[in-house]
Amino acid sequence: MKAPVRYLLQAAFYLAFVAFVGYFATAPGYSPVPPCSATVTLSFSHATKPAGACHRRSDEELARLPPNMRTPLDCPRKRLPIRVEMEIDGTRLVRRKLGASGLSHDRAASFYQKVAVAPGRHRLVVRLRDTARAEGFDYERDTEIELRPGQQFVIDFHADNGGFEFR
C-alpha cells in the first residue's frame, strides 16, 4: 500500500477514535444525585483513645523481658469503639457501632453512608461517642438545613476542629 493512502486511513481511524471517545465523555449524562432528590452523606475516619490505661512495669518485669522489649510503660494497642447516630426530621437513619481497624484494632475507624432525602427544609441531628462512657454522646450537632434538588450535603468529623463539619 502506498504511503499517502496509509496516512489517510490512519488519520481517518484516529478521527473516528477521537469522535468515539469525545461522544462518550459528554453524551450519556450522569448525575450522582437524582434530580428530584438530595443526598446527605456522613463520612469520616477517626481514631479513639486506647481501650485501657498504661501499666508501669516494675524492675522485675523489665528484667524478665528481652533487652529490645524493655519499655517502662505497657500500653494496650486496642482502641475504643465509636458510636454514631444521624437523624433527619426525627427519623433515625444511621445508628452504628464502629470498631477500630487494623490487625490489632489500633487504627482509625472509617465510616461512609449516603442517604437520599427529599429537597426542602430538614432538622438534622448527628451524634458521636468516642470515649468509654456508657450513656450520652461526646459530640452532637443539631441544626436546620435547606437542601436543593440534586444537592450533595456532606457531614465530616474532625475532633480537633470541635466535631462535625457540614459542607
C-alpha atoms as a PDB file:
ATOM      1  CA  MET A   1       0.000   0.000   0.000  1.00  0.00           C
ATOM      2  CA  LYS A   2       1.302   3.440  -0.874  1.00  0.00           C
ATOM      3  CA  ALA A   3       2.344   5.802   1.944  1.00  0.00           C
ATOM      4  CA  PRO A   4      -0.237   8.583   1.231  1.00  0.00           C
ATOM      5  CA  VAL A   5      -3.137   6.098   1.318  1.00  0.00           C
ATOM      6  CA  ARG A   6      -1.820   4.558   4.520  1.00  0.00           C
ATOM      7  CA  TYR A   7      -1.553   8.001   6.199  1.00  0.00           C
ATOM      8  CA  LEU A   8      -5.056   8.930   5.046  1.00  0.00           C
ATOM      9  CA  LEU A   9      -6.515   5.702   6.511  1.00  0.00           C
ATOM     10  CA  GLN A  10      -4.574   6.196   9.732  1.00  0.00           C
ATOM     11  CA  ALA A  11      -5.891   9.779  10.057  1.00  0.00           C
ATOM     12  CA  ALA A  12      -9.461   8.538   9.423  1.00  0.00           C
ATOM     13  CA  PHE A  13      -9.068   5.883  12.123  1.00  0.00           C
ATOM     14  CA  TYR A  14      -7.707   8.430  14.653  1.00  0.00           C
ATOM     15  CA  LEU A  15     -10.534  10.842  13.840  1.00  0.00           C
ATOM     16  CA  ALA A  16     -13.130   8.097  14.379  1.00  0.00           C
ATOM     17  CA  PHE A  17     -11.491   7.108  17.661  1.00  0.00           C
ATOM     18  CA  VAL A  18     -11.408  10.725  18.922  1.00  0.00           C
ATOM     19  CA  ALA A  19     -15.067  11.177  17.962  1.00  0.00           C
ATOM     20  CA  PHE A  20     -15.978   7.941  19.809  1.00  0.00           C
ATOM     21  CA  VAL A  21     -14.137   8.981  22.993  1.00  0.00           C
ATOM     22  CA  GLY A  22     -15.469  12.545  22.782  1.00  0.00           C
ATOM     23  CA  TYR A  23     -19.060  11.341  22.474  1.00  0.00           C
ATOM     24  CA  PHE A  24     -18.868   9.035  25.480  1.00  0.00           C
ATOM     25  CA  ALA A  25     -17.042  11.677  27.535  1.00  0.00           C
ATOM     26  CA  THR A  26     -20.018  14.059  27.304  1.00  0.00           C
ATOM     27  CA  ALA A  27     -23.130  12.412  25.863  1.00  0.00           C
ATOM     28  CA  PRO A  28     -24.512   9.947  28.386  1.00  0.00           C
ATOM     29  CA  GLY A  29     -25.427  12.400  31.147  1.00  0.00           C
ATOM     30  CA  TYR A  30     -24.651  11.205  34.636  1.00  0.00           C
ATOM     31  CA  SER A  31     -25.693  12.763  37.896  1.00  0.00           C
ATOM     32  CA  PRO A  32     -24.703  11.111  41.194  1.00  0.00           C
ATOM     33  CA  VAL A  33     -27.912  12.503  42.729  1.00  0.00           C
ATOM     34  CA  PRO A  34     -31.310  12.064  41.060  1.00  0.00           C
ATOM     35  CA  PRO A  35     -32.694  15.497  40.086  1.00  0.00           C
ATOM     36  CA  CYS A  36     -35.820  15.046  42.242  1.00  0.00           C
ATOM     37  CA  SER A  37     -33.910  14.358  45.484  1.00  0.00           C
ATOM     38  CA  ALA A  38     -30.902  15.454  47.518  1.00  0.00           C
ATOM     39  CA  THR A  39     -28.221  13.384  49.238  1.00  0.00           C
ATOM     40  CA  VAL A  40     -26.869  13.596  52.785  1.00  0.00           C
ATOM     41  CA  THR A  41     -23.501  11.858  53.148  1.00  0.00           C
ATOM     42  CA  LEU A  42     -21.908  11.073  56.515  1.00  0.00           C
ATOM     43  CA  SER A  43     -18.235  10.258  56.043  1.00  0.00           C
ATOM     44  CA  PHE A  44     -15.304  10.295  58.467  1.00  0.00           C
ATOM     45  CA  SER A  45     -12.230   8.496  59.725  1.00  0.00           C
ATOM     46  CA  HIS A  46     -11.465   8.873  63.436  1.00  0.00           C
ATOM     47  CA  ALA A  47      -9.140   7.190  65.946  1.00  0.00           C
ATOM     48  CA  THR A  48     -10.293   6.963  69.548  1.00  0.00           C
ATOM     49  CA  LYS A  49      -8.214   6.686  72.704  1.00  0.00           C
ATOM     50  CA  PRO A  50      -6.715   3.329  73.772  1.00  0.00           C
ATOM     51  CA  ALA A  51      -9.164   0.945  75.430  1.00  0.00           C
ATOM     52  CA  GLY A  52      -7.191   0.718  78.696  1.00  0.00           C
ATOM     53  CA  ALA A  53      -4.720   2.609  80.816  1.00  0.00           C
ATOM     54  CA  CYS A  54      -0.980   2.159  80.549  1.00  0.00           C
ATOM     55  CA  HIS A  55       0.771  -0.017  83.130  1.00  0.00           C
ATOM     56  CA  ARG A  56       4.187   0.977  84.506  1.00  0.00           C
ATOM     57  CA  ARG A  57       6.406  -2.119  84.603  1.00  0.00           C
ATOM     58  CA  SER A  58       8.374  -2.946  87.730  1.00  0.00           C
ATOM     59  CA  ASP A  59      12.124  -3.587  87.674  1.00  0.00           C
ATOM     60  CA  GLU A  60      11.474  -7.347  87.959  1.00  0.00           C
ATOM     61  CA  GLU A  61       9.119  -7.295  84.966  1.00  0.00           C
ATOM     62  CA  LEU A  62      11.641  -5.341  82.914  1.00  0.00           C
ATOM     63  CA  ALA A  63      14.439  -7.783  83.812  1.00  0.00           C
ATOM     64  CA  ARG A  64      12.375 -10.747  82.528  1.00  0.00           C
ATOM     65  CA  LEU A  65      11.905  -9.101  79.117  1.00  0.00           C
ATOM     66  CA  PRO A  66      14.405  -9.290  76.248  1.00  0.00           C
ATOM     67  CA  PRO A  67      16.571  -6.146  76.020  1.00  0.00           C
ATOM     68  CA  ASN A  68      14.793  -4.856  72.919  1.00  0.00           C
ATOM     69  CA  MET A  69      11.368  -5.057  74.655  1.00  0.00           C
ATOM     70  CA  ARG A  70      12.272  -3.163  77.852  1.00  0.00           C
ATOM     71  CA  THR A  71      10.000  -0.164  77.729  1.00  0.00           C
ATOM     72  CA  PRO A  72       8.862   1.176  81.088  1.00  0.00           C
ATOM     73  CA  LEU A  73       5.229   1.522  80.007  1.00  0.00           C
ATOM     74  CA  ASP A  74       2.997  -1.278  78.762  1.00  0.00           C
ATOM     75  CA  CYS A  75       0.081   0.311  76.900  1.00  0.00           C
ATOM     76  CA  PRO A  76      -2.752  -1.585  75.211  1.00  0.00           C
ATOM     77  CA  ARG A  77      -2.983  -1.156  71.448  1.00  0.00           C
ATOM     78  CA  LYS A  78      -6.714  -1.792  71.109  1.00  0.00           C
ATOM     79  CA  ARG A  79      -8.863   1.334  70.757  1.00  0.00           C
ATOM     80  CA  LEU A  80     -12.362   2.089  71.995  1.00  0.00           C
ATOM     81  CA  PRO A  81     -15.312   1.674  69.617  1.00  0.00           C
ATOM     82  CA  ILE A  82     -17.157   4.631  68.111  1.00  0.00           C
ATOM     83  CA  ARG A  83     -20.927   5.021  68.280  1.00  0.00           C
ATOM     84  CA  VAL A  84     -22.504   7.253  65.654  1.00  0.00           C
ATOM     85  CA  GLU A  85     -26.115   8.283  65.024  1.00  0.00           C
ATOM     86  CA  MET A  86     -27.796  10.502  62.450  1.00  0.00           C
ATOM     87  CA  GLU A  87     -31.418  11.654  62.483  1.00  0.00           C
ATOM     88  CA  ILE A  88     -33.299  13.641  59.883  1.00  0.00           C
ATOM     89  CA  ASP A  89     -36.651  15.115  60.940  1.00  0.00           C
ATOM     90  CA  GLY A  90     -36.755  12.830  63.988  1.00  0.00           C
ATOM     91  CA  THR A  91     -36.212   9.625  61.975  1.00  0.00           C
ATOM     92  CA  ARG A  92     -33.031   7.749  62.863  1.00  0.00           C
ATOM     93  CA  LEU A  93     -31.305   6.847  59.606  1.00  0.00           C
ATOM     94  CA  VAL A  94     -27.909   5.795  60.979  1.00  0.00           C
ATOM     95  CA  ARG A  95     -27.054   4.009  64.232  1.00  0.00           C
ATOM     96  CA  ARG A  96     -23.752   2.171  64.172  1.00  0.00           C
ATOM     97  CA  LYS A  97     -21.031   0.923  66.460  1.00  0.00           C
ATOM     98  CA  LEU A  98     -17.656   1.012  64.707  1.00  0.00           C
ATOM     99  CA  GLY A  99     -14.632  -0.942  65.850  1.00  0.00           C
ATOM    100  CA  ALA A 100     -11.113   0.226  65.159  1.00  0.00           C
ATOM    101  CA  SER A 101      -9.448  -1.105  62.037  1.00  0.00           C
ATOM    102  CA  GLY A 102      -6.113  -2.900  61.794  1.00  0.00           C
ATOM    103  CA  LEU A 103      -4.944  -6.329  62.893  1.00  0.00           C
ATOM    104  CA  SER A 104      -4.508  -5.153  66.483  1.00  0.00           C
ATOM    105  CA  HIS A 105      -7.579  -2.886  66.362  1.00  0.00           C
ATOM    106  CA  ASP A 106      -5.311   0.113  66.827  1.00  0.00           C
ATOM    107  CA  ARG A 107      -6.133   2.170  63.722  1.00  0.00           C
ATOM    108  CA  ALA A 108      -8.830   4.709  62.913  1.00  0.00           C
ATOM    109  CA  ALA A 109     -12.396   3.581  62.306  1.00  0.00           C
ATOM    110  CA  SER A 110     -13.829   4.734  58.990  1.00  0.00           C
ATOM    111  CA  PHE A 111     -17.466   5.275  58.071  1.00  0.00           C
ATOM    112  CA  TYR A 112     -19.306   6.243  54.878  1.00  0.00           C
ATOM    113  CA  GLN A 113     -23.039   6.288  54.277  1.00  0.00           C
ATOM    114  CA  LYS A 114     -25.118   8.144  51.724  1.00  0.00           C
ATOM    115  CA  VAL A 115     -28.855   8.766  52.276  1.00  0.00           C
ATOM    116  CA  ALA A 116     -31.327  10.107  49.686  1.00  0.00           C
ATOM    117  CA  VAL A 117     -33.574  12.842  51.104  1.00  0.00           C
ATOM    118  CA  ALA A 118     -36.402  14.939  49.653  1.00  0.00           C
ATOM    119  CA  PRO A 119     -35.371  18.543  48.902  1.00  0.00           C
ATOM    120  CA  GLY A 120     -36.519  21.207  51.338  1.00  0.00           C
ATOM    121  CA  ARG A 121     -36.016  22.202  54.954  1.00  0.00           C
ATOM    122  CA  HIS A 122     -34.953  19.470  57.398  1.00  0.00           C
ATOM    123  CA  ARG A 123     -33.815  19.151  61.012  1.00  0.00           C
ATOM    124  CA  LEU A 124     -30.524  17.242  61.121  1.00  0.00           C
ATOM    125  CA  VAL A 125     -29.034  15.744  64.297  1.00  0.00           C
ATOM    126  CA  VAL A 126     -25.657  13.965  64.289  1.00  0.00           C
ATOM    127  CA  ARG A 127     -24.073  12.379  67.391  1.00  0.00           C
ATOM    128  CA  LEU A 128     -20.801  10.588  68.102  1.00  0.00           C
ATOM    129  CA  ARG A 129     -19.323   8.888  71.183  1.00  0.00           C
ATOM    130  CA  ASP A 130     -15.603   8.071  71.186  1.00  0.00           C
ATOM    131  CA  THR A 131     -14.962   7.540  74.909  1.00  0.00           C
ATOM    132  CA  ALA A 132     -15.731   4.762  77.396  1.00  0.00           C
ATOM    133  CA  ARG A 133     -18.851   6.472  78.777  1.00  0.00           C
ATOM    134  CA  ALA A 134     -21.919   4.240  78.898  1.00  0.00           C
ATOM    135  CA  GLU A 135     -24.602   6.819  78.049  1.00  0.00           C
ATOM    136  CA  GLY A 136     -24.789  10.020  76.041  1.00  0.00           C
ATOM    137  CA  PHE A 137     -22.516  11.348  73.338  1.00  0.00           C
ATOM    138  CA  ASP A 138     -19.270  13.305  73.304  1.00  0.00           C
ATOM    139  CA  TYR A 139     -20.116  15.258  70.145  1.00  0.00           C
ATOM    140  CA  GLU A 140     -23.548  16.346  68.985  1.00  0.00           C
ATOM    141  CA  ARG A 141     -24.735  18.809  66.380  1.00  0.00           C
ATOM    142  CA  ASP A 142     -28.376  19.754  65.837  1.00  0.00           C
ATOM    143  CA  THR A 143     -29.209  22.145  63.000  1.00  0.00           C
ATOM    144  CA  GLU A 144     -31.728  23.104  60.341  1.00  0.00           C
ATOM    145  CA  ILE A 145     -30.615  22.588  56.750  1.00  0.00           C
ATOM    146  CA  GLU A 146     -32.124  23.610  53.405  1.00  0.00           C
ATOM    147  CA  LEU A 147     -31.498  21.102  50.621  1.00  0.00           C
ATOM    148  CA  ARG A 148     -31.882  21.950  46.926  1.00  0.00           C
ATOM    149  CA  PRO A 149     -32.837  19.308  44.346  1.00  0.00           C
ATOM    150  CA  GLY A 150     -29.698  17.451  43.235  1.00  0.00           C
ATOM    151  CA  GLN A 151     -27.596  18.806  46.126  1.00  0.00           C
ATOM    152  CA  GLN A 152     -24.994  16.678  47.884  1.00  0.00           C
ATOM    153  CA  PHE A 153     -24.736  17.660  51.562  1.00  0.00           C
ATOM    154  CA  VAL A 154     -21.638  16.225  53.284  1.00  0.00           C
ATOM    155  CA  ILE A 155     -21.084  15.741  57.012  1.00  0.00           C
ATOM    156  CA  ASP A 156     -17.481  15.247  58.123  1.00  0.00           C
ATOM    157  CA  PHE A 157     -15.982  14.807  61.588  1.00  0.00           C
ATOM    158  CA  HIS A 158     -12.776  16.325  62.964  1.00  0.00           C
ATOM    159  CA  ALA A 159     -12.320  16.171  66.734  1.00  0.00           C
ATOM    160  CA  ASP A 160      -9.540  18.809  66.546  1.00  0.00           C
ATOM    161  CA  ASN A 161     -11.979  21.307  64.998  1.00  0.00           C
ATOM    162  CA  GLY A 162     -14.735  20.717  67.543  1.00  0.00           C
ATOM    163  CA  GLY A 163     -16.630  17.851  65.961  1.00  0.00           C
ATOM    164  CA  PHE A 164     -18.975  17.718  62.989  1.00  0.00           C
ATOM    165  CA  GLU A 165     -18.479  19.914  59.946  1.00  0.00           C
ATOM    166  CA  PHE A 166     -21.183  20.489  57.331  1.00  0.00           C
ATOM    167  CA  ARG A 167     -20.370  21.181  53.684  1.00  0.00           C
END
